[in-house]
Each structure stands twice: as structure tokens, then as C-alpha cells.
């Protein structure tokens, strides 16, 4: 069963409407971020070469190449951006050093 790219809430893919939204976080379900062809690291951010370029990858789109990605996220937390992950790691490292040298 597919899940929302943002919060991980599972949803039914049967007759997924263009304007379908996640019942938990209200993000668009018919978006590039929920598509099987979406690839953050490719040139056009899409593996389908014939697909039109879409600027808002998390917004609603009407791409005819859309296929629901069927990956279920293990964690139900919001995914952090790379910069936020870096700051989180730095904060944890600082806390560890403070505990180490506090004694």
C-alpha cells in the first residue's frame, strides 16, 4: 500500500484523483514526490525523459506519466532536510561533548 511522501500515512491508490490530499497532513497525493518516476538526483528530477518539467515537485500536477510509488515509510516522522539533519547531528555531538567534559 502506498504512503504519503510527507507524513507516511498509507492511502488507497484505487482511482486516485488529481486533487486527492492526504487525510493526515493535507499534502497533495498526485505529486512528483509520490511518483515512482521521481528521482531527486536526476537532471529533470524525473526518470521519464518525455515527462514535462514541473517546478513544484510537492504540489498537485497533472502529469500523464504519474505512477504511484508503493514504498511505505518506516518512520512516521516528518523527513528532515539535509541541512536540518546536519544541524541535528551537530547538536547531538555537542551534547555528547558537554556530557563528556562536564565531569
PDB file of N, CA and C in Angstrom:
ATOM      1  N   UNK A   1       0.842  -1.176   0.000  1.00  0.00           N
ATOM      2  CA  UNK A   1       0.000   0.000   0.000  1.00  0.00           C
ATOM      3  C   UNK A   1       0.892   1.246   0.000  1.00  0.00           C
ATOM      4  N   UNK A   2       0.634   2.199  -0.856  1.00  0.00           N
ATOM      5  CA  UNK A   2       1.453   3.413  -0.898  1.00  0.00           C
ATOM      6  C   UNK A   2       1.210   4.309   0.311  1.00  0.00           C
ATOM      7  N   UNK A   3       2.156   5.191   0.553  1.00  0.00           N
ATOM      8  CA  UNK A   3       2.015   6.112   1.678  1.00  0.00           C
ATOM      9  C   UNK A   3       2.412   7.524   1.253  1.00  0.00           C
ATOM     10  N   UNK A   4       1.971   8.489   2.019  1.00  0.00           N
ATOM     11  CA  UNK A   4       2.250   9.906   1.760  1.00  0.00           C
ATOM     12  C   UNK A   4       3.753  10.176   1.880  1.00  0.00           C
ATOM     13  N   UNK A   5       4.288  10.972   0.970  1.00  0.00           N
ATOM     14  CA  UNK A   5       5.722  11.283   0.997  1.00  0.00           C
ATOM     15  C   UNK A   5       6.098  12.106   2.219  1.00  0.00           C
ATOM     16  N   UNK A   6       5.160  12.863   2.761  1.00  0.00           N
ATOM     17  CA  UNK A   6       5.466  13.799   3.835  1.00  0.00           C
ATOM     18  C   UNK A   6       5.321  13.190   5.222  1.00  0.00           C
ATOM     19  N   UNK A   7       4.194  12.529   5.482  1.00  0.00           N
ATOM     20  CA  UNK A   7       3.948  12.025   6.835  1.00  0.00           C
ATOM     21  C   UNK A   7       3.955  10.505   6.932  1.00  0.00           C
ATOM     22  N   UNK A   8       3.899   9.803   5.793  1.00  0.00           N
ATOM     23  CA  UNK A   8       3.926   8.350   5.807  1.00  0.00           C
ATOM     24  C   UNK A   8       2.567   7.696   5.984  1.00  0.00           C
ATOM     25  N   UNK A   9       1.495   8.477   5.995  1.00  0.00           N
ATOM     26  CA  UNK A   9       0.143   7.926   6.133  1.00  0.00           C
ATOM     27  C   UNK A   9      -0.204   7.082   4.913  1.00  0.00           C
ATOM     28  N   UNK A  10      -0.589   5.818   5.096  1.00  0.00           N
ATOM     29  CA  UNK A  10      -0.959   4.992   3.940  1.00  0.00           C
ATOM     30  C   UNK A  10      -2.280   5.465   3.325  1.00  0.00           C
ATOM     31  N   UNK A  11      -2.409   5.283   2.013  1.00  0.00           N
ATOM     32  CA  UNK A  11      -3.643   5.648   1.329  1.00  0.00           C
ATOM     33  C   UNK A  11      -3.932   4.624   0.247  1.00  0.00           C
ATOM     34  N   UNK A  12      -5.189   4.576  -0.179  1.00  0.00           N
ATOM     35  CA  UNK A  12      -5.596   3.652  -1.236  1.00  0.00           C
ATOM     36  C   UNK A  12      -5.309   4.279  -2.579  1.00  0.00           C
ATOM     37  N   UNK A  13      -4.725   3.513  -3.479  1.00  0.00           N
ATOM     38  CA  UNK A  13      -4.385   4.057  -4.785  1.00  0.00           C
ATOM     39  C   UNK A  13      -5.480   3.867  -5.817  1.00  0.00           C
ATOM     40  N   UNK A  14      -6.551   3.174  -5.464  1.00  0.00           N
ATOM     41  CA  UNK A  14      -7.642   2.936  -6.401  1.00  0.00           C
ATOM     42  C   UNK A  14      -8.279   4.256  -6.815  1.00  0.00           C
ATOM     43  N   UNK A  15      -8.241   4.537  -8.106  1.00  0.00           N
ATOM     44  CA  UNK A  15      -8.837   5.756  -8.665  1.00  0.00           C
ATOM     45  C   UNK A  15      -8.366   7.011  -7.938  1.00  0.00           C
ATOM     46  N   UNK A  16      -7.066   7.168  -7.805  1.00  0.00           N
ATOM     47  CA  UNK A  16      -6.503   8.339  -7.145  1.00  0.00           C
ATOM     48  C   UNK A  16      -6.799   9.574  -7.984  1.00  0.00           C
ATOM     49  N   UNK A  17      -7.573  10.485  -7.435  1.00  0.00           N
ATOM     50  CA  UNK A  17      -7.966  11.695  -8.154  1.00  0.00           C
ATOM     51  C   UNK A  17      -6.799  12.677  -8.216  1.00  0.00           C
ATOM     52  N   UNK A  18      -6.845  13.558  -9.215  1.00  0.00           N
ATOM     53  CA  UNK A  18      -5.787  14.565  -9.366  1.00  0.00           C
ATOM     54  C   UNK A  18      -5.713  15.497  -8.161  1.00  0.00           C
ATOM     55  N   UNK A  19      -6.857  15.748  -7.519  1.00  0.00           N
ATOM     56  CA  UNK A  19      -6.882  16.686  -6.402  1.00  0.00           C
ATOM     57  C   UNK A  19      -6.960  15.987  -5.042  1.00  0.00           C
ATOM     58  N   UNK A  20      -6.512  14.728  -4.973  1.00  0.00           N
ATOM     59  CA  UNK A  20      -6.530  13.982  -3.713  1.00  0.00           C
ATOM     60  C   UNK A  20      -5.485  14.541  -2.757  1.00  0.00           C
ATOM     61  N   UNK A  21      -5.865  14.633  -1.485  1.00  0.00           N
ATOM     62  CA  UNK A  21      -4.945  15.121  -0.449  1.00  0.00           C
ATOM     63  C   UNK A  21      -4.834  14.083   0.652  1.00  0.00           C
ATOM     64  N   UNK A  22      -3.745  14.129   1.371  1.00  0.00           N
ATOM     65  CA  UNK A  22      -3.511  13.218   2.485  1.00  0.00           C
ATOM     66  C   UNK A  22      -4.472  13.571   3.621  1.00  0.00           C
ATOM     67  N   UNK A  23      -5.153  12.579   4.195  1.00  0.00           N
ATOM     68  CA  UNK A  23      -6.076  12.877   5.288  1.00  0.00           C
ATOM     69  C   UNK A  23      -5.376  13.317   6.572  1.00  0.00           C
ATOM     70  N   UNK A  24      -4.107  13.026   6.690  1.00  0.00           N
ATOM     71  CA  UNK A  24      -3.378  13.363   7.919  1.00  0.00           C
ATOM     72  C   UNK A  24      -2.699  14.725   7.852  1.00  0.00           C
ATOM     73  N   UNK A  25      -1.982  14.999   6.749  1.00  0.00           N
ATOM     74  CA  UNK A  25      -1.190  16.241   6.684  1.00  0.00           C
ATOM     75  C   UNK A  25      -1.646  17.198   5.586  1.00  0.00           C
ATOM     76  N   UNK A  26      -2.637  16.815   4.808  1.00  0.00           N
ATOM     77  CA  UNK A  26      -3.218  17.639   3.741  1.00  0.00           C
ATOM     78  C   UNK A  26      -2.248  17.967   2.610  1.00  0.00           C
ATOM     79  N   UNK A  27      -1.248  17.141   2.393  1.00  0.00           N
ATOM     80  CA  UNK A  27      -0.350  17.359   1.252  1.00  0.00           C
ATOM     81  C   UNK A  27      -0.956  16.675   0.023  1.00  0.00           C
ATOM     82  N   UNK A  28      -0.584  17.152  -1.164  1.00  0.00           N
ATOM     83  CA  UNK A  28      -1.116  16.596  -2.402  1.00  0.00           C
ATOM     84  C   UNK A  28      -0.574  15.189  -2.613  1.00  0.00           C
ATOM     85  N   UNK A  29      -1.448  14.257  -2.967  1.00  0.00           N
ATOM     86  CA  UNK A  29      -1.018  12.886  -3.215  1.00  0.00           C
ATOM     87  C   UNK A  29      -0.632  12.667  -4.674  1.00  0.00           C
ATOM     88  N   UNK A  30      -1.245  13.418  -5.593  1.00  0.00           N
ATOM     89  CA  UNK A  30      -0.908  13.301  -7.023  1.00  0.00           C
ATOM     90  C   UNK A  30       0.191  14.319  -7.316  1.00  0.00           C
ATOM     91  N   UNK A  31       1.376  14.066  -6.772  1.00  0.00           N
ATOM     92  CA  UNK A  31       2.513  14.975  -6.926  1.00  0.00           C
ATOM     93  C   UNK A  31       3.756  14.174  -7.288  1.00  0.00           C
ATOM     94  N   UNK A  32       4.762  14.863  -7.750  1.00  0.00           N
ATOM     95  CA  UNK A  32       6.010  14.191  -8.139  1.00  0.00           C
ATOM     96  C   UNK A  32       6.633  13.435  -6.969  1.00  0.00           C
ATOM     97  N   UNK A  33       6.507  13.973  -5.759  1.00  0.00           N
ATOM     98  CA  UNK A  33       7.119  13.345  -4.597  1.00  0.00           C
ATOM     99  C   UNK A  33       6.519  11.969  -4.306  1.00  0.00           C
ATOM    100  N   UNK A  34       5.302  11.698  -4.761  1.00  0.00           N
ATOM    101  CA  UNK A  34       4.661  10.401  -4.574  1.00  0.00           C
ATOM    102  C   UNK A  34       4.739   9.529  -5.816  1.00  0.00           C
ATOM    103  N   UNK A  35       5.476   9.953  -6.821  1.00  0.00           N
ATOM    104  CA  UNK A  35       5.532   9.238  -8.091  1.00  0.00           C
ATOM    105  C   UNK A  35       6.706   8.255  -8.127  1.00  0.00           C
ATOM    106  N   UNK A  36       6.483   7.151  -8.797  1.00  0.00           N
ATOM    107  CA  UNK A  36       7.516   6.133  -8.966  1.00  0.00           C
ATOM    108  C   UNK A  36       8.682   6.667  -9.799  1.00  0.00           C
ATOM    109  N   UNK A  37       8.423   7.572 -10.716  1.00  0.00           N
ATOM    110  CA  UNK A  37       9.444   8.118 -11.616  1.00  0.00           C
ATOM    111  C   UNK A  37      10.289   9.225 -10.975  1.00  0.00           C
ATOM    112  N   UNK A  38       9.882   9.739  -9.817  1.00  0.00           N
ATOM    113  CA  UNK A  38      10.578  10.864  -9.177  1.00  0.00           C
ATOM    114  C   UNK A  38      11.971  10.442  -8.724  1.00  0.00           C
ATOM    115  N   UNK A  39      12.958  11.262  -9.098  1.00  0.00           N
ATOM    116  CA  UNK A  39      14.342  11.000  -8.713  1.00  0.00           C
ATOM    117  C   UNK A  39      15.000  12.338  -8.404  1.00  0.00           C
ATOM    118  N   UNK A  40      15.262  12.587  -7.158  1.00  0.00           N
ATOM    119  CA  UNK A  40      15.807  13.877  -6.706  1.00  0.00           C
ATOM    120  C   UNK A  40      17.152  14.191  -7.362  1.00  0.00           C
ATOM    121  N   UNK A  41      17.902  13.173  -7.733  1.00  0.00           N
ATOM    122  CA  UNK A  41      19.257  13.389  -8.219  1.00  0.00           C
ATOM    123  C   UNK A  41      19.401  13.343  -9.733  1.00  0.00           C
ATOM    124  N   UNK A  42      18.331  13.148 -10.460  1.00  0.00           N
ATOM    125  CA  UNK A  42      18.426  13.162 -11.922  1.00  0.00           C
ATOM    126  C   UNK A  42      18.327  14.596 -12.444  1.00  0.00           C
ATOM    127  N   UNK A  43      18.653  14.784 -13.695  1.00  0.00           N
ATOM    128  CA  UNK A  43      18.699  16.110 -14.297  1.00  0.00           C
ATOM    129  C   UNK A  43      17.356  16.824 -14.245  1.00  0.00           C
ATOM    130  N   UNK A  44      16.294  16.167 -14.651  1.00  0.00           N
ATOM    131  CA  UNK A  44      14.965  16.772 -14.674  1.00  0.00           C
ATOM    132  C   UNK A  44      14.149  16.418 -13.432  1.00  0.00           C
ATOM    133  N   UNK A  45      14.747  15.731 -12.464  1.00  0.00           N
ATOM    134  CA  UNK A  45      14.095  15.229 -11.261  1.00  0.00           C
ATOM    135  C   UNK A  45      13.056  14.157 -11.578  1.00  0.00           C
ATOM    136  N   UNK A  46      13.152  13.589 -12.782  1.00  0.00           N
ATOM    137  CA  UNK A  46      12.208  12.566 -13.214  1.00  0.00           C
ATOM    138  C   UNK A  46      12.943  11.568 -14.098  1.00  0.00           C
ATOM    139  N   UNK A  47      12.662  10.280 -13.917  1.00  0.00           N
ATOM    140  CA  UNK A  47      13.311   9.258 -14.733  1.00  0.00           C
ATOM    141  C   UNK A  47      12.677   9.132 -16.110  1.00  0.00           C
ATOM    142  N   UNK A  48      11.463   9.657 -16.266  1.00  0.00           N
ATOM    143  CA  UNK A  48      10.779   9.607 -17.557  1.00  0.00           C
ATOM    144  C   UNK A  48      11.236  10.794 -18.397  1.00  0.00           C
ATOM    145  N   UNK A  49      11.930  10.520 -19.497  1.00  0.00           N
ATOM    146  CA  UNK A  49      12.509  11.580 -20.329  1.00  0.00           C
ATOM    147  C   UNK A  49      11.452  12.406 -21.052  1.00  0.00           C
ATOM    148  N   UNK A  50      10.294  11.817 -21.335  1.00  0.00           N
ATOM    149  CA  UNK A  50       9.257  12.535 -22.071  1.00  0.00           C
ATOM    150  C   UNK A  50       8.344  13.364 -21.176  1.00  0.00           C
ATOM    151  N   UNK A  51       8.493  13.258 -19.881  1.00  0.00           N
ATOM    152  CA  UNK A  51       7.621  13.984 -18.947  1.00  0.00           C
ATOM    153  C   UNK A  51       7.936  15.482 -18.992  1.00  0.00           C
ATOM    154  N   UNK A  52       6.914  16.316 -18.869  1.00  0.00           N
ATOM    155  CA  UNK A  52       7.146  17.759 -18.846  1.00  0.00           C
ATOM    156  C   UNK A  52       7.830  18.160 -17.543  1.00  0.00           C
ATOM    157  N   UNK A  53       8.597  19.260 -17.583  1.00  0.00           N
ATOM    158  CA  UNK A  53       9.262  19.733 -16.377  1.00  0.00           C
ATOM    159  C   UNK A  53       8.227  20.379 -15.465  1.00  0.00           C
ATOM    160  N   UNK A  54       8.219  19.982 -14.213  1.00  0.00           N
ATOM    161  CA  UNK A  54       7.278  20.512 -13.230  1.00  0.00           C
ATOM    162  C   UNK A  54       8.091  21.204 -12.150  1.00  0.00           C
ATOM    163  N   UNK A  55       7.769  22.471 -11.911  1.00  0.00           N
ATOM    164  CA  UNK A  55       8.551  23.262 -10.960  1.00  0.00           C
ATOM    165  C   UNK A  55       8.273  22.878  -9.512  1.00  0.00           C
ATOM    166  N   UNK A  56       7.008  22.724  -9.160  1.00  0.00           N
ATOM    167  CA  UNK A  56       6.653  22.396  -7.778  1.00  0.00           C
ATOM    168  C   UNK A  56       6.506  20.883  -7.646  1.00  0.00           C
ATOM    169  N   UNK A  57       7.533  20.219  -7.144  1.00  0.00           N
ATOM    170  CA  UNK A  57       7.534  18.766  -7.055  1.00  0.00           C
ATOM    171  C   UNK A  57       6.639  18.231  -5.939  1.00  0.00           C
ATOM    172  N   UNK A  58       6.263  19.077  -4.992  1.00  0.00           N
ATOM    173  CA  UNK A  58       5.401  18.648  -3.898  1.00  0.00           C
ATOM    174  C   UNK A  58       3.965  19.108  -4.083  1.00  0.00           C
ATOM    175  N   UNK A  59       3.709  19.868  -5.114  1.00  0.00           N
ATOM    176  CA  UNK A  59       2.367  20.361  -5.386  1.00  0.00           C
ATOM    177  C   UNK A  59       1.617  19.447  -6.329  1.00  0.00           C
ATOM    178  N   UNK A  60       0.335  19.738  -6.497  1.00  0.00           N
ATOM    179  CA  UNK A  60      -0.514  18.946  -7.385  1.00  0.00           C
ATOM    180  C   UNK A  60      -0.054  19.118  -8.821  1.00  0.00           C
ATOM    181  N   UNK A  61      -0.051  18.024  -9.582  1.00  0.00           N
ATOM    182  CA  UNK A  61       0.264  18.112 -11.003  1.00  0.00           C
ATOM    183  C   UNK A  61      -0.644  17.182 -11.786  1.00  0.00           C
ATOM    184  N   UNK A  62      -0.636  17.335 -13.093  1.00  0.00           N
ATOM    185  CA  UNK A  62      -1.475  16.527 -13.971  1.00  0.00           C
ATOM    186  C   UNK A  62      -0.623  15.758 -14.977  1.00  0.00           C
ATOM    187  N   UNK A  63       0.518  15.298 -14.536  1.00  0.00           N
ATOM    188  CA  UNK A  63       1.440  14.567 -15.405  1.00  0.00           C
ATOM    189  C   UNK A  63       0.827  13.225 -15.808  1.00  0.00           C
ATOM    190  N   UNK A  64       0.871  12.932 -17.097  1.00  0.00           N
ATOM    191  CA  UNK A  64       0.284  11.687 -17.583  1.00  0.00           C
ATOM    192  C   UNK A  64       1.183  10.476 -17.300  1.00  0.00           C
ATOM    193  N   UNK A  65       2.422  10.707 -16.897  1.00  0.00           N
ATOM    194  CA  UNK A  65       3.351   9.616 -16.595  1.00  0.00           C
ATOM    195  C   UNK A  65       3.348   9.249 -15.105  1.00  0.00           C
ATOM    196  N   UNK A  66       2.473   9.859 -14.317  1.00  0.00           N
ATOM    197  CA  UNK A  66       2.406   9.618 -12.871  1.00  0.00           C
ATOM    198  C   UNK A  66       2.057   8.167 -12.575  1.00  0.00           C
ATOM    199  N   UNK A  67       2.868   7.520 -11.736  1.00  0.00           N
ATOM    200  CA  UNK A  67       2.609   6.176 -11.226  1.00  0.00           C
ATOM    201  C   UNK A  67       2.862   6.231  -9.721  1.00  0.00           C
ATOM    202  N   UNK A  68       1.943   5.683  -8.957  1.00  0.00           N
ATOM    203  CA  UNK A  68       2.047   5.751  -7.500  1.00  0.00           C
ATOM    204  C   UNK A  68       3.237   4.948  -7.012  1.00  0.00           C
ATOM    205  N   UNK A  69       4.054   5.582  -6.191  1.00  0.00           N
ATOM    206  CA  UNK A  69       5.188   4.902  -5.560  1.00  0.00           C
ATOM    207  C   UNK A  69       4.654   4.077  -4.398  1.00  0.00           C
ATOM    208  N   UNK A  70       5.026   2.824  -4.331  1.00  0.00           N
ATOM    209  CA  UNK A  70       4.460   1.927  -3.326  1.00  0.00           C
ATOM    210  C   UNK A  70       5.434   1.635  -2.200  1.00  0.00           C
ATOM    211  N   UNK A  71       6.180   2.618  -1.793  1.00  0.00           N
ATOM    212  CA  UNK A  71       7.132   2.460  -0.701  1.00  0.00           C
ATOM    213  C   UNK A  71       6.476   2.970   0.573  1.00  0.00           C
ATOM    214  N   UNK A  72       6.486   2.142   1.592  1.00  0.00           N
ATOM    215  CA  UNK A  72       5.929   2.557   2.876  1.00  0.00           C
ATOM    216  C   UNK A  72       7.075   3.037   3.744  1.00  0.00           C
ATOM    217  N   UNK A  73       6.940   4.246   4.247  1.00  0.00           N
ATOM    218  CA  UNK A  73       7.981   4.786   5.117  1.00  0.00           C
ATOM    219  C   UNK A  73       7.928   4.099   6.466  1.00  0.00           C
ATOM    220  N   UNK A  74       9.074   3.716   6.934  1.00  0.00           N
ATOM    221  CA  UNK A  74       9.160   3.052   8.232  1.00  0.00           C
ATOM    222  C   UNK A  74       8.866   4.019   9.365  1.00  0.00           C
ATOM    223  N   UNK A  75       9.470   5.181   9.298  1.00  0.00           N
ATOM    224  CA  UNK A  75       9.241   6.183  10.332  1.00  0.00           C
ATOM    225  C   UNK A  75       8.038   7.035   9.947  1.00  0.00           C
ATOM    226  N   UNK A  76       7.264   7.454  10.915  1.00  0.00           N
ATOM    227  CA  UNK A  76       6.083   8.253  10.648  1.00  0.00           C
ATOM    228  C   UNK A  76       6.365   9.728  10.927  1.00  0.00           C
ATOM    229  N   UNK A  77       7.632  10.072  11.131  1.00  0.00           N
ATOM    230  CA  UNK A  77       8.003  11.448  11.402  1.00  0.00           C
ATOM    231  C   UNK A  77       8.261  12.191  10.102  1.00  0.00           C
ATOM    232  N   UNK A  78       8.205  13.503  10.174  1.00  0.00           N
ATOM    233  CA  UNK A  78       8.485  14.319   9.007  1.00  0.00           C
ATOM    234  C   UNK A  78       9.970  14.195   8.652  1.00  0.00           C
ATOM    235  N   UNK A  79      10.241  14.028   7.379  1.00  0.00           N
ATOM    236  CA  UNK A  79      11.619  13.888   6.918  1.00  0.00           C
ATOM    237  C   UNK A  79      12.323  15.241   7.016  1.00  0.00           C
ATOM    238  N   UNK A  80      13.544  15.236   7.563  1.00  0.00           N
ATOM    239  CA  UNK A  80      14.316  16.464   7.684  1.00  0.00           C
ATOM    240  C   UNK A  80      15.067  16.749   6.396  1.00  0.00           C
ATOM    241  N   UNK A  81      15.296  18.022   6.145  1.00  0.00           N
ATOM    242  CA  UNK A  81      16.103  18.399   5.001  1.00  0.00           C
ATOM    243  C   UNK A  81      17.564  18.073   5.312  1.00  0.00           C
ATOM    244  N   UNK A  82      18.436  18.005   4.302  1.00  0.00           N
ATOM    245  CA  UNK A  82      19.845  17.704   4.578  1.00  0.00           C
ATOM    246  C   UNK A  82      20.488  18.695   5.548  1.00  0.00           C
ATOM    247  N   UNK A  83      20.133  19.969   5.432  1.00  0.00           N
ATOM    248  CA  UNK A  83      20.685  20.972   6.345  1.00  0.00           C
ATOM    249  C   UNK A  83      20.189  20.745   7.772  1.00  0.00           C
ATOM    250  N   UNK A  84      18.908  20.389   7.917  1.00  0.00           N
ATOM    251  CA  UNK A  84      18.365  20.117   9.247  1.00  0.00           C
ATOM    252  C   UNK A  84      18.992  18.861   9.852  1.00  0.00           C
ATOM    253  N   UNK A  85      19.234  17.847   9.020  1.00  0.00           N
ATOM    254  CA  UNK A  85      19.900  16.642   9.503  1.00  0.00           C
ATOM    255  C   UNK A  85      21.305  16.967   9.996  1.00  0.00           C
ATOM    256  N   UNK A  86      22.013  17.823   9.262  1.00  0.00           N
ATOM    257  CA  UNK A  86      23.365  18.235   9.656  1.00  0.00           C
ATOM    258  C   UNK A  86      23.328  18.947  11.008  1.00  0.00           C
ATOM    259  N   UNK A  87      22.385  19.869  11.177  1.00  0.00           N
ATOM    260  CA  UNK A  87      22.280  20.601  12.447  1.00  0.00           C
ATOM    261  C   UNK A  87      21.903  19.663  13.588  1.00  0.00           C
ATOM    262  N   UNK A  88      21.046  18.678  13.294  1.00  0.00           N
ATOM    263  CA  UNK A  88      20.653  17.710  14.308  1.00  0.00           C
ATOM    264  C   UNK A  88      21.859  16.892  14.760  1.00  0.00           C
ATOM    265  N   UNK A  89      22.682  16.434  13.793  1.00  0.00           N
ATOM    266  CA  UNK A  89      23.893  15.683  14.135  1.00  0.00           C
ATOM    267  C   UNK A  89      24.869  16.542  14.940  1.00  0.00           C
ATOM    268  N   UNK A  90      25.023  17.811  14.526  1.00  0.00           N
ATOM    269  CA  UNK A  90      25.935  18.704  15.251  1.00  0.00           C
ATOM    270  C   UNK A  90      25.454  18.930  16.681  1.00  0.00           C
ATOM    271  N   UNK A  91      24.157  19.109  16.849  1.00  0.00           N
ATOM    272  CA  UNK A  91      23.607  19.312  18.190  1.00  0.00           C
ATOM    273  C   UNK A  91      23.825  18.105  19.084  1.00  0.00           C
ATOM    274  N   UNK A  92      23.610  16.917  18.531  1.00  0.00           N
ATOM    275  CA  UNK A  92      23.824  15.702  19.316  1.00  0.00           C
ATOM    276  C   UNK A  92      25.296  15.531  19.671  1.00  0.00           C
ATOM    277  N   UNK A  93      26.179  15.876  18.753  1.00  0.00           N
ATOM    278  CA  UNK A  93      27.617  15.777  19.026  1.00  0.00           C
ATOM    279  C   UNK A  93      28.025  16.761  20.131  1.00  0.00           C
ATOM    280  N   UNK A  94      27.490  17.980  20.074  1.00  0.00           N
ATOM    281  CA  UNK A  94      27.800  18.969  21.117  1.00  0.00           C
ATOM    282  C   UNK A  94      27.301  18.512  22.487  1.00  0.00           C
ATOM    283  N   UNK A  95      26.106  17.947  22.532  1.00  0.00           N
ATOM    284  CA  UNK A  95      25.560  17.441  23.797  1.00  0.00           C
ATOM    285  C   UNK A  95      26.458  16.340  24.339  1.00  0.00           C
ATOM    286  N   UNK A  96      26.931  15.458  23.454  1.00  0.00           N
ATOM    287  CA  UNK A  96      27.824  14.390  23.888  1.00  0.00           C
ATOM    288  C   UNK A  96      29.132  14.917  24.446  1.00  0.00           C
ATOM    289  N   UNK A  97      29.697  15.934  23.790  1.00  0.00           N
ATOM    290  CA  UNK A  97      30.939  16.538  24.290  1.00  0.00           C
ATOM    291  C   UNK A  97      30.730  17.252  25.613  1.00  0.00           C
ATOM    292  N   UNK A  98      29.610  17.926  25.757  1.00  0.00           N
ATOM    293  CA  UNK A  98      29.316  18.591  27.030  1.00  0.00           C
ATOM    294  C   UNK A  98      29.203  17.590  28.170  1.00  0.00           C
ATOM    295  N   UNK A  99      28.555  16.457  27.922  1.00  0.00           N
ATOM    296  CA  UNK A  99      28.444  15.418  28.951  1.00  0.00           C
ATOM    297  C   UNK A  99      29.799  14.819  29.259  1.00  0.00           C
ATOM    298  N   UNK A 100      30.633  14.669  28.230  1.00  0.00           N
ATOM    299  CA  UNK A 100      31.949  14.066  28.420  1.00  0.00           C
ATOM    300  C   UNK A 100      32.853  14.943  29.284  1.00  0.00           C
ATOM    301  N   UNK A 101      32.858  16.249  29.011  1.00  0.00           N
ATOM    302  CA  UNK A 101      33.770  17.155  29.716  1.00  0.00           C
ATOM    303  C   UNK A 101      33.143  17.818  30.927  1.00  0.00           C
ATOM    304  N   UNK A 102      31.899  17.490  31.257  1.00  0.00           N
ATOM    305  CA  UNK A 102      31.215  18.085  32.392  1.00  0.00           C
ATOM    306  C   UNK A 102      31.736  17.511  33.709  1.00  0.00           C
ATOM    307  N   UNK A 103      32.193  16.286  33.710  1.00  0.00           N
ATOM    308  CA  UNK A 103      32.603  15.622  34.946  1.00  0.00           C
ATOM    309  C   UNK A 103      33.749  16.269  35.582  1.00  0.00           C
TER     310      UNK A 103
END
